[in-house]
């Protein structure tokens, strides 16, 4: 498993995340292991987090929530 510093990760995040798609990486800070970057499994990427949620049980609203949020923000 390849080890990179947090400074290297910060400097070239896109490059290192591309590498992490293929092989796990360990991120270190002053020599101490602090994180791991690893490819997502195909199973976790294929199943959304809210898969089992029944959206029909949510309350129905009869107004546009974005309009209410905009009015609230303009009042500041």
N, C-alpha and C. Protein backbone atom coordinates (compact mmCIF):
# COMPACT_ATOMS: atom_id res chain seq x y z
N UNK A 1 0.85 -1.17 0.00
CA UNK A 1 0.00 0.00 0.00
C UNK A 1 0.90 1.23 0.00
N UNK A 2 0.62 2.18 -0.87
CA UNK A 2 1.41 3.40 -0.99
C UNK A 2 1.06 4.37 0.12
N UNK A 3 2.08 5.08 0.61
CA UNK A 3 1.90 6.09 1.65
C UNK A 3 2.27 7.46 1.10
N UNK A 4 1.39 8.44 1.34
CA UNK A 4 1.66 9.82 0.92
C UNK A 4 1.45 10.73 2.13
N UNK A 5 2.08 11.91 2.07
CA UNK A 5 1.90 12.87 3.16
C UNK A 5 0.65 13.72 2.89
N UNK A 6 0.17 14.34 3.92
CA UNK A 6 -0.99 15.22 3.77
C UNK A 6 -0.64 16.41 2.88
N UNK A 7 0.63 16.82 2.91
CA UNK A 7 1.09 17.91 2.06
C UNK A 7 1.02 17.50 0.59
N UNK A 8 1.42 16.27 0.29
CA UNK A 8 1.33 15.77 -1.08
C UNK A 8 -0.13 15.68 -1.53
N UNK A 9 -0.99 15.20 -0.63
CA UNK A 9 -2.42 15.10 -0.94
C UNK A 9 -3.01 16.47 -1.22
N UNK A 10 -2.65 17.44 -0.41
CA UNK A 10 -3.16 18.80 -0.58
C UNK A 10 -2.71 19.39 -1.92
N UNK A 11 -1.46 19.14 -2.28
CA UNK A 11 -0.91 19.73 -3.50
C UNK A 11 -1.50 19.12 -4.77
N UNK A 12 -1.86 17.83 -4.74
CA UNK A 12 -2.32 17.15 -5.95
C UNK A 12 -3.50 16.22 -5.65
N UNK A 13 -4.54 16.77 -5.07
CA UNK A 13 -5.69 15.96 -4.65
C UNK A 13 -6.28 15.16 -5.80
N UNK A 14 -6.51 15.78 -6.92
CA UNK A 14 -7.11 15.09 -8.07
C UNK A 14 -6.27 13.91 -8.52
N UNK A 15 -4.97 14.11 -8.58
CA UNK A 15 -4.07 13.03 -8.99
C UNK A 15 -4.16 11.86 -8.02
N UNK A 16 -4.07 12.15 -6.72
CA UNK A 16 -4.06 11.07 -5.73
C UNK A 16 -5.41 10.36 -5.63
N UNK A 17 -6.51 11.08 -5.82
CA UNK A 17 -7.80 10.40 -5.80
C UNK A 17 -7.96 9.51 -7.02
N UNK A 18 -7.34 9.89 -8.13
CA UNK A 18 -7.33 9.03 -9.31
C UNK A 18 -6.56 7.74 -9.05
N UNK A 19 -5.43 7.86 -8.36
CA UNK A 19 -4.64 6.69 -7.98
C UNK A 19 -5.45 5.82 -7.01
N UNK A 20 -6.16 6.47 -6.09
CA UNK A 20 -6.92 5.74 -5.07
C UNK A 20 -8.09 4.96 -5.68
N UNK A 21 -8.50 5.29 -6.90
CA UNK A 21 -9.54 4.50 -7.58
C UNK A 21 -9.06 3.08 -7.84
N UNK A 22 -7.73 2.94 -7.99
CA UNK A 22 -7.16 1.64 -8.35
C UNK A 22 -6.53 0.92 -7.17
N UNK A 23 -5.94 1.67 -6.24
CA UNK A 23 -5.23 1.05 -5.13
C UNK A 23 -5.35 1.91 -3.88
N UNK A 24 -5.46 1.32 -2.72
CA UNK A 24 -5.58 2.10 -1.49
C UNK A 24 -4.32 2.92 -1.19
N UNK A 25 -4.51 4.07 -0.58
CA UNK A 25 -3.41 4.95 -0.17
C UNK A 25 -3.54 5.25 1.32
N UNK A 26 -2.40 5.35 1.99
CA UNK A 26 -2.38 5.79 3.39
C UNK A 26 -1.89 7.23 3.40
N UNK A 27 -2.58 8.11 4.13
CA UNK A 27 -2.19 9.51 4.26
C UNK A 27 -1.56 9.70 5.63
N UNK A 28 -0.40 10.36 5.65
CA UNK A 28 0.30 10.59 6.92
C UNK A 28 0.44 12.08 7.20
N UNK A 29 0.55 12.41 8.47
CA UNK A 29 0.84 13.77 8.91
C UNK A 29 2.02 13.68 9.86
N UNK A 30 3.16 14.19 9.42
CA UNK A 30 4.40 14.12 10.20
C UNK A 30 4.75 12.69 10.59
N UNK A 31 4.54 11.79 9.64
CA UNK A 31 4.88 10.39 9.85
C UNK A 31 3.81 9.55 10.52
N UNK A 32 2.77 10.16 11.03
CA UNK A 32 1.69 9.43 11.70
C UNK A 32 0.57 9.14 10.70
N UNK A 33 0.13 7.90 10.62
CA UNK A 33 -0.97 7.53 9.73
C UNK A 33 -2.25 8.15 10.24
N UNK A 34 -2.93 8.91 9.37
CA UNK A 34 -4.16 9.59 9.81
C UNK A 34 -5.39 9.23 8.99
N UNK A 35 -5.19 8.72 7.78
CA UNK A 35 -6.36 8.42 6.93
C UNK A 35 -5.97 7.42 5.86
N UNK A 36 -7.01 6.86 5.26
CA UNK A 36 -6.81 5.96 4.12
C UNK A 36 -7.75 6.38 3.00
N UNK A 37 -7.24 6.40 1.80
CA UNK A 37 -8.06 6.61 0.61
C UNK A 37 -8.12 5.29 -0.11
N UNK A 38 -9.33 4.84 -0.40
CA UNK A 38 -9.48 3.55 -1.06
C UNK A 38 -10.64 3.61 -2.03
N UNK A 39 -10.61 2.74 -3.03
CA UNK A 39 -11.70 2.75 -4.01
C UNK A 39 -13.02 2.35 -3.36
N UNK A 40 -14.10 2.96 -3.82
CA UNK A 40 -15.42 2.54 -3.37
C UNK A 40 -15.73 1.19 -3.97
N UNK A 41 -16.36 0.36 -3.19
CA UNK A 41 -16.74 -0.94 -3.74
C UNK A 41 -17.91 -0.74 -4.69
N UNK A 42 -18.03 -1.61 -5.64
CA UNK A 42 -19.12 -1.50 -6.60
C UNK A 42 -20.47 -1.67 -5.92
N UNK A 43 -20.52 -2.43 -4.85
CA UNK A 43 -21.77 -2.65 -4.13
C UNK A 43 -22.22 -1.36 -3.46
N UNK A 44 -21.32 -0.66 -2.76
CA UNK A 44 -21.72 0.55 -2.05
C UNK A 44 -22.07 1.68 -3.02
N UNK A 45 -21.41 1.74 -4.17
CA UNK A 45 -21.72 2.77 -5.15
C UNK A 45 -23.06 2.51 -5.84
N UNK A 46 -23.44 1.24 -5.94
CA UNK A 46 -24.67 0.89 -6.66
C UNK A 46 -25.92 1.05 -5.79
N UNK A 47 -25.77 1.03 -4.47
CA UNK A 47 -26.91 1.13 -3.58
C UNK A 47 -26.91 2.46 -2.85
N UNK A 48 -27.81 3.35 -3.19
CA UNK A 48 -27.85 4.65 -2.52
C UNK A 48 -28.16 4.50 -1.04
N UNK A 49 -27.76 5.51 -0.28
CA UNK A 49 -27.94 5.50 1.16
C UNK A 49 -29.42 5.41 1.55
N UNK A 50 -30.29 6.04 0.81
CA UNK A 50 -31.71 6.09 1.15
C UNK A 50 -32.53 5.04 0.42
N UNK A 51 -31.94 3.95 0.11
CA UNK A 51 -32.60 2.92 -0.69
C UNK A 51 -33.90 2.43 -0.07
N UNK A 52 -33.92 2.15 1.23
CA UNK A 52 -35.09 1.57 1.86
C UNK A 52 -36.12 2.57 2.35
N UNK A 53 -35.91 3.84 2.12
CA UNK A 53 -36.81 4.86 2.63
C UNK A 53 -38.09 4.94 1.82
N UNK A 54 -39.21 5.03 2.51
CA UNK A 54 -40.51 5.14 1.84
C UNK A 54 -40.88 6.61 1.75
N UNK A 55 -40.65 7.20 0.58
CA UNK A 55 -40.85 8.64 0.40
C UNK A 55 -42.34 9.01 0.42
N UNK A 56 -43.23 8.06 0.23
CA UNK A 56 -44.65 8.37 0.23
C UNK A 56 -45.16 8.74 1.62
N UNK A 57 -44.40 8.43 2.67
CA UNK A 57 -44.82 8.75 4.03
C UNK A 57 -44.47 10.18 4.44
N UNK A 58 -43.73 10.89 3.60
CA UNK A 58 -43.39 12.28 3.92
C UNK A 58 -44.61 13.18 3.78
N UNK A 59 -44.70 14.21 4.60
CA UNK A 59 -45.87 15.10 4.50
C UNK A 59 -45.89 15.86 3.18
N UNK A 60 -47.07 16.09 2.68
CA UNK A 60 -47.25 16.85 1.44
C UNK A 60 -47.34 18.33 1.80
N UNK A 61 -46.72 19.17 0.97
CA UNK A 61 -46.79 20.62 1.18
C UNK A 61 -47.44 21.25 -0.04
N UNK A 62 -48.12 22.36 0.17
CA UNK A 62 -48.82 23.02 -0.93
C UNK A 62 -48.18 24.36 -1.28
N UNK A 63 -46.88 24.51 -1.01
CA UNK A 63 -46.18 25.74 -1.36
C UNK A 63 -44.77 25.39 -1.81
N UNK A 64 -44.16 26.35 -2.46
CA UNK A 64 -42.80 26.18 -2.96
C UNK A 64 -41.81 26.56 -1.85
N UNK A 65 -41.08 25.59 -1.34
CA UNK A 65 -40.18 25.84 -0.21
C UNK A 65 -39.05 26.79 -0.59
N UNK A 66 -38.62 26.80 -1.85
CA UNK A 66 -37.54 27.69 -2.24
C UNK A 66 -37.96 29.16 -2.13
N UNK A 67 -39.22 29.45 -2.38
CA UNK A 67 -39.72 30.82 -2.24
C UNK A 67 -39.66 31.25 -0.78
N UNK A 68 -40.02 30.36 0.12
CA UNK A 68 -39.99 30.68 1.55
C UNK A 68 -38.54 30.91 2.02
N UNK A 69 -37.63 30.12 1.55
CA UNK A 69 -36.22 30.28 1.92
C UNK A 69 -35.69 31.59 1.37
N UNK A 70 -36.02 31.94 0.14
CA UNK A 70 -35.57 33.19 -0.45
C UNK A 70 -36.10 34.39 0.33
N UNK A 71 -37.36 34.35 0.71
CA UNK A 71 -37.94 35.44 1.51
C UNK A 71 -37.22 35.58 2.83
N UNK A 72 -36.91 34.47 3.45
CA UNK A 72 -36.21 34.50 4.73
C UNK A 72 -34.82 35.10 4.58
N UNK A 73 -34.12 34.77 3.52
CA UNK A 73 -32.77 35.29 3.31
C UNK A 73 -32.78 36.76 2.98
N UNK A 74 -33.77 37.22 2.25
CA UNK A 74 -33.84 38.64 1.90
C UNK A 74 -34.20 39.51 3.09
N UNK A 75 -34.77 38.93 4.13
CA UNK A 75 -35.16 39.69 5.31
C UNK A 75 -33.95 40.04 6.17
N UNK A 76 -32.83 39.44 5.94
CA UNK A 76 -31.63 39.71 6.75
C UNK A 76 -30.98 41.00 6.43
